[in-house]
Protein backbone atom coordinates (compact mmCIF):
# COMPACT_ATOMS: atom_id res chain seq x y z
CA MET A 1 81.68 40.72 -39.49
CA LYS A 2 82.31 38.93 -36.63
CA ARG A 3 80.14 36.02 -35.81
CA GLY A 4 79.31 34.07 -32.23
CA LYS A 5 80.38 30.48 -31.53
CA LYS A 6 76.80 29.48 -32.15
CA TYR A 7 76.67 30.68 -35.40
CA ALA A 8 80.11 29.06 -36.10
CA GLU A 9 79.15 25.56 -34.56
CA ALA A 10 75.54 26.08 -36.30
CA ALA A 11 77.35 26.61 -39.83
CA LYS A 12 79.64 23.59 -39.77
CA ALA A 13 76.16 21.69 -40.55
CA ILE A 14 76.33 23.52 -43.96
CA GLU A 15 78.84 22.77 -46.89
CA ARG A 16 79.94 25.30 -48.63
CA GLY A 17 79.14 25.56 -52.01
CA ASN A 18 76.85 22.90 -52.25
CA LEU A 19 73.21 23.59 -53.41
CA TYR A 20 70.54 21.49 -51.71
CA ASP A 21 67.08 20.51 -52.37
CA VAL A 22 64.20 21.86 -50.87
CA ALA A 23 63.58 19.13 -48.33
CA GLU A 24 67.26 19.16 -47.30
CA ALA A 25 67.25 22.90 -47.05
CA VAL A 26 64.50 23.20 -44.58
CA SER A 27 65.75 20.60 -42.17
CA LEU A 28 69.23 22.36 -42.05
CA VAL A 29 67.88 25.69 -41.78
CA LYS A 30 65.48 24.66 -38.81
CA LYS A 31 68.50 22.82 -37.24
CA THR A 32 70.46 25.64 -37.48
CA ALA A 33 68.37 27.92 -35.92
CA ILE A 34 69.59 27.93 -32.53
CA ALA A 35 68.64 30.83 -30.53
CA LYS A 36 66.87 31.13 -27.42
CA PHE A 37 63.68 32.64 -29.23
CA ASP A 38 61.64 31.22 -32.01
CA GLU A 39 63.44 32.93 -34.69
CA THR A 40 61.94 33.77 -38.22
CA ILE A 41 62.77 31.51 -41.47
CA GLU A 42 63.43 33.45 -44.49
CA ALA A 43 63.76 33.30 -48.13
CA HIS A 44 66.10 35.41 -50.18
CA ILE A 45 65.45 34.91 -53.88
CA ARG A 46 68.12 36.97 -56.36
CA THR A 47 66.49 37.10 -59.77
CA GLY A 48 68.05 38.24 -62.90
CA CYS A 49 65.54 41.17 -63.07
CA ASP A 50 67.04 44.68 -63.49
CA GLY A 51 64.38 46.59 -61.16
CA ARG A 52 65.89 50.14 -62.55
CA HIS A 53 64.01 49.17 -65.89
CA ALA A 54 59.75 49.37 -65.48
CA ASP A 55 59.17 46.32 -67.48
CA GLN A 56 61.68 44.37 -65.00
CA GLN A 57 59.86 45.00 -62.04
CA ILE A 58 58.31 42.33 -59.44
CA ARG A 59 56.00 43.36 -57.10
CA GLY A 60 53.07 41.02 -55.94
CA ALA A 61 51.49 39.06 -53.27
CA VAL A 62 50.64 35.49 -52.15
CA VAL A 63 48.72 33.45 -49.22
CA LEU A 64 51.40 31.51 -47.49
CA PRO A 65 48.97 28.33 -46.44
CA HIS A 66 50.41 28.17 -43.12
CA GLY A 67 51.11 32.05 -42.57
CA THR A 68 54.22 33.54 -40.90
CA GLY A 69 53.71 32.82 -37.14
CA LYS A 70 53.49 36.56 -36.51
CA LYS A 71 50.47 38.32 -35.70
CA ILE A 72 50.09 41.21 -38.00
CA ARG A 73 48.93 44.46 -37.25
CA ILE A 74 46.82 46.37 -39.73
CA LEU A 75 45.54 49.91 -40.46
CA VAL A 76 42.88 50.93 -42.78
CA PHE A 77 42.13 54.05 -44.40
CA ALA A 78 38.41 54.59 -45.07
CA LYS A 79 35.11 56.30 -44.26
CA ASP A 80 31.72 56.11 -43.82
CA ALA A 81 30.23 52.20 -44.37
CA LYS A 82 33.75 50.72 -45.34
CA ALA A 83 35.44 51.94 -42.22
CA GLU A 84 32.32 50.46 -40.37
CA GLU A 85 33.30 47.33 -42.69
CA ALA A 86 37.03 47.32 -41.42
CA LYS A 87 36.30 47.57 -37.95
CA ALA A 88 34.01 44.28 -38.15
CA ALA A 89 35.92 42.61 -40.26
CA GLY A 90 38.87 42.71 -37.77
CA ALA A 91 41.49 45.83 -38.35
CA ASP A 92 43.85 47.07 -35.99
CA TYR A 93 42.86 50.92 -36.54
CA VAL A 94 40.88 52.34 -38.89
CA GLY A 95 40.69 55.99 -39.76
CA GLY A 96 41.44 59.00 -42.28
CA ASP A 97 42.84 62.49 -42.08
CA GLU A 98 43.11 62.80 -38.43
CA LEU A 99 46.34 59.83 -38.43
CA ILE A 100 48.28 61.99 -40.97
CA PRO A 101 49.87 64.22 -38.01
CA LYS A 102 49.52 61.33 -35.84
CA ILE A 103 52.14 59.25 -38.36
CA GLN A 104 53.72 62.33 -39.51
CA LYS A 105 54.66 64.39 -36.41
CA GLU A 106 54.30 61.61 -33.78
CA ASN A 107 56.43 59.09 -35.57
CA TRP A 108 53.26 56.73 -35.05
CA PHE A 109 53.81 53.12 -36.46
CA GLU A 110 52.31 50.36 -34.31
CA PHE A 111 50.69 48.96 -37.70
CA ASP A 112 52.51 46.35 -40.71
CA VAL A 113 50.32 46.81 -42.75
CA VAL A 114 48.29 49.46 -44.67
CA VAL A 115 45.28 48.80 -46.48
CA ALA A 116 43.10 51.68 -48.59
CA THR A 117 40.20 52.09 -50.11
CA PRO A 118 40.52 53.79 -53.61
CA ASP A 119 39.16 57.25 -52.70
CA MET A 120 41.36 57.36 -49.87
CA MET A 121 44.10 57.17 -51.80
CA GLY A 122 44.49 61.51 -51.71
CA VAL A 123 44.53 61.46 -47.81
CA VAL A 124 47.52 58.60 -47.88
CA GLY A 125 49.61 59.97 -50.76
CA ARG A 126 50.06 62.56 -48.36
CA LEU A 127 52.03 59.89 -46.62
CA GLY A 128 53.94 58.51 -49.32
CA ARG A 129 57.27 59.99 -47.95
CA VAL A 130 57.39 57.91 -44.69
CA LEU A 131 55.24 54.54 -45.63
CA GLY A 132 57.32 54.36 -48.96
CA PRO A 133 60.41 53.51 -47.74
CA LYS A 134 59.06 51.53 -45.09
CA GLY A 135 57.35 49.41 -47.61
CA LEU A 136 53.87 50.51 -46.26
CA MET A 137 52.53 52.22 -48.98
CA PRO A 138 48.98 50.77 -49.99
CA ASN A 139 49.24 49.30 -53.75
CA PRO A 140 46.94 47.94 -56.02
CA LYS A 141 49.08 44.84 -57.32
CA ALA A 142 49.47 43.80 -53.46
CA GLY A 143 45.74 44.14 -52.94
CA THR A 144 45.93 46.63 -50.37
CA VAL A 145 44.08 49.59 -52.45
CA THR A 146 40.45 48.00 -52.59
CA MET A 147 37.30 48.24 -51.74
CA ASP A 148 36.97 45.00 -50.80
CA VAL A 149 38.37 45.48 -47.36
CA THR A 150 36.91 42.34 -45.93
CA LYS A 151 38.82 40.04 -48.43
CA ALA A 152 41.79 42.14 -47.85
CA ILE A 153 41.83 42.31 -44.44
CA GLN A 154 41.16 38.38 -43.64
CA ASP A 155 43.55 37.54 -46.59
CA ILE A 156 46.42 39.45 -44.38
CA LYS A 157 45.40 37.89 -41.65
CA ALA A 158 45.80 34.43 -42.76
CA GLY A 159 49.13 34.89 -44.07
CA LYS A 160 49.37 37.08 -47.39
CA ILE A 161 52.87 38.65 -47.91
CA GLU A 162 54.06 40.95 -50.36
CA TYR A 163 57.10 40.02 -52.31
CA ARG A 164 59.07 42.50 -54.61
CA LEU A 165 62.10 43.61 -55.87
CA ASP A 166 64.73 45.35 -53.52
CA LYS A 167 67.46 47.88 -55.14
CA THR A 168 69.87 44.13 -55.09
CA ASN A 169 67.08 42.65 -57.81
CA ILE A 170 66.70 40.65 -54.16
CA ILE A 171 63.41 39.34 -53.04
CA HIS A 172 63.50 38.86 -49.42
CA VAL A 173 60.00 37.01 -47.97
CA PRO A 174 59.37 35.42 -44.06
CA LEU A 175 58.47 31.91 -44.46
CA GLY A 176 57.27 31.16 -41.08
CA LYS A 177 59.21 30.57 -37.85
CA ALA A 178 61.62 28.02 -36.83
CA SER A 179 58.93 26.14 -34.60
CA PHE A 180 57.01 25.11 -37.64
CA THR A 181 57.37 21.86 -38.83
CA GLU A 182 59.17 20.86 -41.90
CA GLU A 183 56.05 20.67 -43.91
CA GLN A 184 54.78 24.12 -43.02
CA ILE A 185 58.05 25.55 -44.05
CA THR A 186 58.04 23.51 -46.99
CA ASP A 187 54.71 24.35 -48.36
CA ASN A 188 55.09 27.88 -47.63
CA PHE A 189 58.20 27.73 -49.69
CA GLN A 190 56.71 26.12 -52.57
CA THR A 191 53.26 28.71 -52.65
CA LEU A 192 56.08 31.73 -52.72
CA ILE A 193 58.50 30.64 -55.47
CA GLU A 194 55.28 29.70 -57.99
CA ALA A 195 53.95 32.86 -57.26
CA VAL A 196 57.48 34.39 -57.69
CA ILE A 197 58.06 32.22 -61.10
CA LYS A 198 54.65 33.21 -62.03
CA ALA A 199 55.53 36.72 -62.00
CA ARG A 200 58.53 36.66 -64.05
CA PRO A 201 58.72 39.53 -66.19
CA ALA A 202 58.53 38.72 -70.16
CA ALA A 203 61.32 40.97 -70.93
CA VAL A 204 63.63 39.04 -68.51
CA LYS A 205 66.07 36.81 -70.44
CA GLY A 206 68.35 34.66 -69.62
CA GLN A 207 68.40 32.76 -66.18
CA PHE A 208 65.66 33.95 -63.92
CA LEU A 209 66.35 32.67 -60.68
CA LYS A 210 70.42 33.19 -60.10
CA SER A 211 69.97 32.08 -56.72
CA VAL A 212 67.78 30.82 -53.46
CA THR A 213 69.14 30.91 -49.98
CA LEU A 214 66.55 29.88 -46.47
CA SER A 215 67.64 31.21 -43.52
CA SER A 216 66.92 31.57 -40.04
CA THR A 217 67.19 34.95 -38.27
CA MET A 218 70.52 34.12 -36.55
CA GLY A 219 71.71 31.45 -38.34
CA PRO A 220 73.87 30.48 -41.41
CA GLY A 221 72.31 30.76 -45.30
CA VAL A 222 71.59 27.74 -46.97
CA LYS A 223 71.54 27.72 -50.87
CA ILE A 224 69.02 25.59 -52.81
CA ASN A 225 69.37 24.53 -56.41
CA PRO A 226 67.21 27.06 -58.31
CA MET A 227 67.37 24.75 -61.57
CA ARG A 228 65.49 22.31 -59.57
CA LEU A 229 62.56 24.90 -59.17
CA VAL A 230 61.51 26.02 -62.48
C-alpha cells in the first residue's frame, strides 16, 4: 500500500520493532497525527483468544473517563412510558415497528448506537441482518438491552464504548481525538485495557495480550509493550 510523504515523514519518528511504554506511545501517536482534521486515536489489541470457540469470545462495554470526542447519536426502541423516558433522557430517535421499513428499505442509518428495552427485542430482531454486520445490534452484555434506558443513554453520552473481538481476534476501539491531552488519552487507554484484561476468558491459555498498537486515523501504528500491561 502506497503511503504519502506526510505519512513517511511521521513514520520516521517511530523506531520499527520497538515496543514503547504507554506514555511514550501516546506522545508519539499525538505527534504523528498530522492530518488537517482532528484525527481519531484508536487502540488495536490482538489477543490470544480463538473467537471460533464460544468460551473464548470477548464482548463488553466500558465508560471512557474523557469520552471519545465524538457526538454519539442514539436510537432507542421502546414504547409507552419507556419511550417518553428515552426522549427525556436525550435519545436522538425513539420508536418501534414504524422504524423497521425506514431502516430496511430506505437504508436509514443516522445513528451510532441502538438501545432497546427487552420487550422490543422481537421487533429489533427483524433487523438482525442489517444491524448485525454493522455492529449495531443491541446486546445485554454491552448494556444496550435494558429497562433502564435513562442510565444506558447517560452512559453512552458520557463516553461508553463497546469492545469485541473481530474475526481476526483483534479488538479495535476509539480512544479519543488527537486534540485530547496526553493525560486524557492515557486515562482512556488505561480504563479500556483494565476492562479487557478483566474480560479475559478462562479458556484462554498462554499470553493473552499478543500485541497492543495505538494509531491515529492517518498516522502510523505505535506498538506498546504488552508484557508491561498485565
